[in-house]
Structures are given as C-alpha cells and as structure tokens.
Amino acid sequence: DAIFQRDFPLVQGTVMVYAFTFVIANLIVDVLYTYLNPKIEL
C-alpha cells in the first residue's frame, strides 16, 4: 500500500531494514563458517 500511496520514506525505511538484516545475516554465516571449518579464511 505504501508504494501506491507514494509514501517513499516508509518504502525506503523498509528496504533499508531488509538490506541491513541481509548483510548482518551474511556476516554471521561467514563467521560461523570459519568456526565450523578452520580451513576457510576470511
């Protein structure tokens, strides 16, 4: 609904939250991989 009502700050905020969550999740997975498999280096 926010897109059709041209509520751009809400859309931008939602996209930023999803992007931040995605980046943090990838960082956590990368760190966990190094603990699970010591052969992998960051």
N, C-alpha and C. Protein backbone atom coordinates (compact mmCIF):
# COMPACT_ATOMS: atom_id res chain seq x y z
N ASP A 1 0.82 -1.20 0.00
CA ASP A 1 0.00 0.00 0.00
C ASP A 1 0.86 1.26 0.00
N ALA A 2 2.00 1.19 0.69
CA ALA A 2 2.84 2.39 0.80
C ALA A 2 3.37 2.82 -0.57
N ILE A 3 3.63 1.84 -1.44
CA ILE A 3 4.15 2.18 -2.77
C ILE A 3 3.09 2.92 -3.58
N PHE A 4 1.85 2.42 -3.53
CA PHE A 4 0.78 3.03 -4.32
C PHE A 4 0.36 4.39 -3.78
N GLN A 5 0.58 4.62 -2.48
CA GLN A 5 0.24 5.92 -1.90
C GLN A 5 1.42 6.88 -1.94
N ARG A 6 2.51 6.46 -2.58
CA ARG A 6 3.72 7.27 -2.74
C ARG A 6 4.31 7.71 -1.39
N ASP A 7 4.32 6.78 -0.44
CA ASP A 7 4.92 7.04 0.87
C ASP A 7 6.38 6.57 0.80
N PHE A 8 7.20 7.36 0.11
CA PHE A 8 8.57 6.94 -0.16
C PHE A 8 9.43 6.78 1.09
N PRO A 9 9.31 7.61 2.11
CA PRO A 9 10.13 7.37 3.31
C PRO A 9 9.86 6.00 3.95
N LEU A 10 8.60 5.57 3.95
CA LEU A 10 8.29 4.25 4.50
C LEU A 10 8.89 3.15 3.64
N VAL A 11 8.80 3.29 2.34
CA VAL A 11 9.38 2.29 1.43
C VAL A 11 10.89 2.25 1.60
N GLN A 12 11.54 3.41 1.67
CA GLN A 12 12.99 3.45 1.84
C GLN A 12 13.40 2.84 3.18
N GLY A 13 12.66 3.13 4.22
CA GLY A 13 12.96 2.56 5.53
C GLY A 13 12.83 1.05 5.53
N THR A 14 11.79 0.55 4.89
CA THR A 14 11.58 -0.90 4.82
C THR A 14 12.70 -1.57 4.04
N VAL A 15 13.08 -0.99 2.92
CA VAL A 15 14.18 -1.56 2.12
C VAL A 15 15.48 -1.53 2.91
N MET A 16 15.73 -0.46 3.64
CA MET A 16 16.96 -0.37 4.43
C MET A 16 17.00 -1.43 5.53
N VAL A 17 15.86 -1.67 6.18
CA VAL A 17 15.81 -2.69 7.23
C VAL A 17 16.09 -4.07 6.64
N TYR A 18 15.46 -4.38 5.50
CA TYR A 18 15.70 -5.68 4.86
C TYR A 18 17.16 -5.81 4.42
N ALA A 19 17.73 -4.76 3.86
CA ALA A 19 19.12 -4.81 3.41
C ALA A 19 20.07 -4.99 4.59
N PHE A 20 19.83 -4.26 5.67
CA PHE A 20 20.67 -4.37 6.87
C PHE A 20 20.59 -5.79 7.45
N THR A 21 19.37 -6.34 7.51
CA THR A 21 19.19 -7.70 8.02
C THR A 21 19.93 -8.70 7.14
N PHE A 22 19.85 -8.53 5.83
CA PHE A 22 20.53 -9.42 4.90
C PHE A 22 22.04 -9.37 5.08
N VAL A 23 22.60 -8.19 5.22
CA VAL A 23 24.04 -8.03 5.39
C VAL A 23 24.50 -8.64 6.71
N ILE A 24 23.77 -8.40 7.79
CA ILE A 24 24.14 -8.95 9.09
C ILE A 24 24.05 -10.47 9.08
N ALA A 25 23.01 -11.02 8.45
CA ALA A 25 22.86 -12.48 8.36
C ALA A 25 24.03 -13.08 7.60
N ASN A 26 24.43 -12.47 6.49
CA ASN A 26 25.57 -12.98 5.73
C ASN A 26 26.86 -12.89 6.52
N LEU A 27 27.04 -11.83 7.28
CA LEU A 27 28.23 -11.70 8.11
C LEU A 27 28.28 -12.79 9.18
N ILE A 28 27.15 -13.05 9.81
CA ILE A 28 27.09 -14.09 10.84
C ILE A 28 27.40 -15.46 10.25
N VAL A 29 26.84 -15.75 9.07
CA VAL A 29 27.10 -17.03 8.42
C VAL A 29 28.58 -17.16 8.06
N ASP A 30 29.19 -16.10 7.56
CA ASP A 30 30.62 -16.14 7.23
C ASP A 30 31.46 -16.43 8.47
N VAL A 31 31.14 -15.79 9.57
CA VAL A 31 31.89 -16.02 10.81
C VAL A 31 31.68 -17.45 11.31
N LEU A 32 30.45 -17.95 11.22
CA LEU A 32 30.18 -19.32 11.66
C LEU A 32 30.92 -20.34 10.79
N TYR A 33 31.04 -20.07 9.50
CA TYR A 33 31.77 -20.98 8.63
C TYR A 33 33.22 -21.11 9.06
N THR A 34 33.82 -20.02 9.51
CA THR A 34 35.22 -20.10 9.93
C THR A 34 35.36 -20.93 11.21
N TYR A 35 34.35 -20.91 12.07
CA TYR A 35 34.41 -21.74 13.27
C TYR A 35 34.15 -23.20 12.94
N LEU A 36 33.24 -23.47 12.00
CA LEU A 36 32.89 -24.85 11.67
C LEU A 36 33.96 -25.52 10.80
N ASN A 37 34.62 -24.75 9.97
CA ASN A 37 35.66 -25.29 9.09
C ASN A 37 36.89 -24.39 9.18
N PRO A 38 37.85 -24.76 10.00
CA PRO A 38 39.02 -23.89 10.21
C PRO A 38 39.87 -23.68 8.96
N LYS A 39 39.70 -24.52 7.93
CA LYS A 39 40.47 -24.35 6.70
C LYS A 39 40.07 -23.08 5.95
N ILE A 40 38.87 -22.60 6.18
CA ILE A 40 38.37 -21.41 5.50
C ILE A 40 38.91 -20.17 6.20
N GLU A 41 39.44 -19.25 5.41
CA GLU A 41 39.92 -17.98 5.96
C GLU A 41 39.10 -16.85 5.39
N LEU A 42 38.82 -15.85 6.23
CA LEU A 42 38.08 -14.68 5.75
C LEU A 42 38.99 -13.72 5.04
